[in-house]
Amino acid sequence: MPASDGEFWYNLVTRQVERGKQSPGADRAGPFATADEAARAPEIMAQRAQAWREDEARDDDWGTPPSEGARRQ
């Protein structure tokens, strides 16, 4: 049994949980440790995307640049 057969994947096209690599890589998300976790893939991906957006926003916020007057002093 290949190692990937013990992993679960979420098929983005069919919206079904699969055991092992049954579908093309572009059509699946994972791997997940359990079938239940794979079934929650859309929720998990949305949570991770939100966390990444928040992280990017923090990285992009370098604060307000000093005013011209403050630079001359």
C-alpha atoms as a PDB file:
ATOM      1  CA  MET A   1       0.000   0.000   0.000  1.00  0.00           C
ATOM      2  CA  PRO A   2       1.524   3.359  -1.007  1.00  0.00           C
ATOM      3  CA  ALA A   3       1.960   5.864   1.814  1.00  0.00           C
ATOM      4  CA  SER A   4      -0.546   8.237   0.218  1.00  0.00           C
ATOM      5  CA  ASP A   5      -3.357   5.673   0.590  1.00  0.00           C
ATOM      6  CA  GLY A   6      -3.539   6.487   4.304  1.00  0.00           C
ATOM      7  CA  GLU A   7      -4.108  10.158   3.534  1.00  0.00           C
ATOM      8  CA  PHE A   8      -7.394  11.835   2.794  1.00  0.00           C
ATOM      9  CA  TRP A   9      -7.931  14.478   0.149  1.00  0.00           C
ATOM     10  CA  TYR A  10     -10.779  16.820  -0.702  1.00  0.00           C
ATOM     11  CA  ASN A  11     -11.709  16.812  -4.370  1.00  0.00           C
ATOM     12  CA  LEU A  12     -12.347  20.430  -5.354  1.00  0.00           C
ATOM     13  CA  VAL A  13     -14.347  19.409  -8.439  1.00  0.00           C
ATOM     14  CA  THR A  14     -16.644  16.725  -7.032  1.00  0.00           C
ATOM     15  CA  ARG A  15     -16.573  18.092  -3.455  1.00  0.00           C
ATOM     16  CA  GLN A  16     -16.018  14.569  -2.176  1.00  0.00           C
ATOM     17  CA  VAL A  17     -13.467  13.122   0.226  1.00  0.00           C
ATOM     18  CA  GLU A  18     -11.047  10.656  -1.347  1.00  0.00           C
ATOM     19  CA  ARG A  19      -8.661   8.207   0.251  1.00  0.00           C
ATOM     20  CA  GLY A  20      -5.277   8.363  -1.424  1.00  0.00           C
ATOM     21  CA  LYS A  21      -4.388  10.231  -4.589  1.00  0.00           C
ATOM     22  CA  GLN A  22      -7.303   9.324  -6.828  1.00  0.00           C
ATOM     23  CA  SER A  23      -7.704  12.614  -8.689  1.00  0.00           C
ATOM     24  CA  PRO A  24      -5.287  14.920 -10.519  1.00  0.00           C
ATOM     25  CA  GLY A  25      -3.312  17.121  -8.156  1.00  0.00           C
ATOM     26  CA  ALA A  26      -4.921  20.321  -9.436  1.00  0.00           C
ATOM     27  CA  ASP A  27      -8.343  18.972  -8.435  1.00  0.00           C
ATOM     28  CA  ARG A  28      -7.608  18.122  -4.817  1.00  0.00           C
ATOM     29  CA  ALA A  29      -6.680  19.752  -1.518  1.00  0.00           C
ATOM     30  CA  GLY A  30      -4.788  18.053   1.240  1.00  0.00           C
ATOM     31  CA  PRO A  31      -3.549  15.761   2.502  1.00  0.00           C
ATOM     32  CA  PHE A  32      -5.586  15.524   5.670  1.00  0.00           C
ATOM     33  CA  ALA A  33      -5.143  13.044   8.502  1.00  0.00           C
ATOM     34  CA  THR A  34      -8.787  11.993   8.676  1.00  0.00           C
ATOM     35  CA  ALA A  35     -11.809  11.841   6.400  1.00  0.00           C
ATOM     36  CA  ASP A  36     -13.660  14.239   8.735  1.00  0.00           C
ATOM     37  CA  GLU A  37     -10.873  16.784   8.451  1.00  0.00           C
ATOM     38  CA  ALA A  38     -10.860  16.429   4.661  1.00  0.00           C
ATOM     39  CA  ALA A  39     -14.625  16.987   4.608  1.00  0.00           C
ATOM     40  CA  ARG A  40     -14.006  20.311   6.362  1.00  0.00           C
ATOM     41  CA  ALA A  41     -11.456  21.348   3.731  1.00  0.00           C
ATOM     42  CA  PRO A  42     -13.435  24.334   2.383  1.00  0.00           C
ATOM     43  CA  GLU A  43     -13.835  25.719   5.919  1.00  0.00           C
ATOM     44  CA  ILE A  44     -10.181  25.061   6.766  1.00  0.00           C
ATOM     45  CA  MET A  45      -8.997  26.691   3.532  1.00  0.00           C
ATOM     46  CA  ALA A  46     -11.183  29.751   4.171  1.00  0.00           C
ATOM     47  CA  GLN A  47      -9.781  30.105   7.700  1.00  0.00           C
ATOM     48  CA  ARG A  48      -6.206  29.829   6.442  1.00  0.00           C
ATOM     49  CA  ALA A  49      -6.850  32.331   3.653  1.00  0.00           C
ATOM     50  CA  GLN A  50      -8.262  34.810   6.182  1.00  0.00           C
ATOM     51  CA  ALA A  51      -5.231  34.340   8.434  1.00  0.00           C
ATOM     52  CA  TRP A  52      -2.901  34.909   5.463  1.00  0.00           C
ATOM     53  CA  ARG A  53      -4.797  38.083   4.466  1.00  0.00           C
ATOM     54  CA  GLU A  54      -4.507  39.406   8.018  1.00  0.00           C
ATOM     55  CA  ASP A  55      -0.804  38.539   8.124  1.00  0.00           C
ATOM     56  CA  GLU A  56      -0.217  40.283   4.789  1.00  0.00           C
ATOM     57  CA  ALA A  57      -2.117  43.352   6.009  1.00  0.00           C
ATOM     58  CA  ARG A  58       0.121  43.506   9.102  1.00  0.00           C
ATOM     59  CA  ASP A  59       3.213  43.183   6.917  1.00  0.00           C
ATOM     60  CA  ASP A  60       1.952  45.938   4.594  1.00  0.00           C
ATOM     61  CA  ASP A  61       1.243  48.326   7.484  1.00  0.00           C
ATOM     62  CA  TRP A  62       4.612  49.828   8.165  1.00  0.00           C
ATOM     63  CA  GLY A  63       2.997  52.668  10.060  1.00  0.00           C
ATOM     64  CA  THR A  64       2.625  56.281   9.124  1.00  0.00           C
ATOM     65  CA  PRO A  65       5.764  57.842   7.691  1.00  0.00           C
ATOM     66  CA  PRO A  66       7.149  60.775   9.671  1.00  0.00           C
ATOM     67  CA  SER A  67       5.943  64.186   8.574  1.00  0.00           C
ATOM     68  CA  GLU A  68       8.276  66.431   6.606  1.00  0.00           C
ATOM     69  CA  GLY A  69       8.666  68.695   9.645  1.00  0.00           C
ATOM     70  CA  ALA A  70       9.767  65.826  11.845  1.00  0.00           C
ATOM     71  CA  ARG A  71      12.472  64.850   9.353  1.00  0.00           C
ATOM     72  CA  ARG A  72      14.087  68.296   9.442  1.00  0.00           C
ATOM     73  CA  GLN A  73      14.444  68.448  13.215  1.00  0.00           C
END
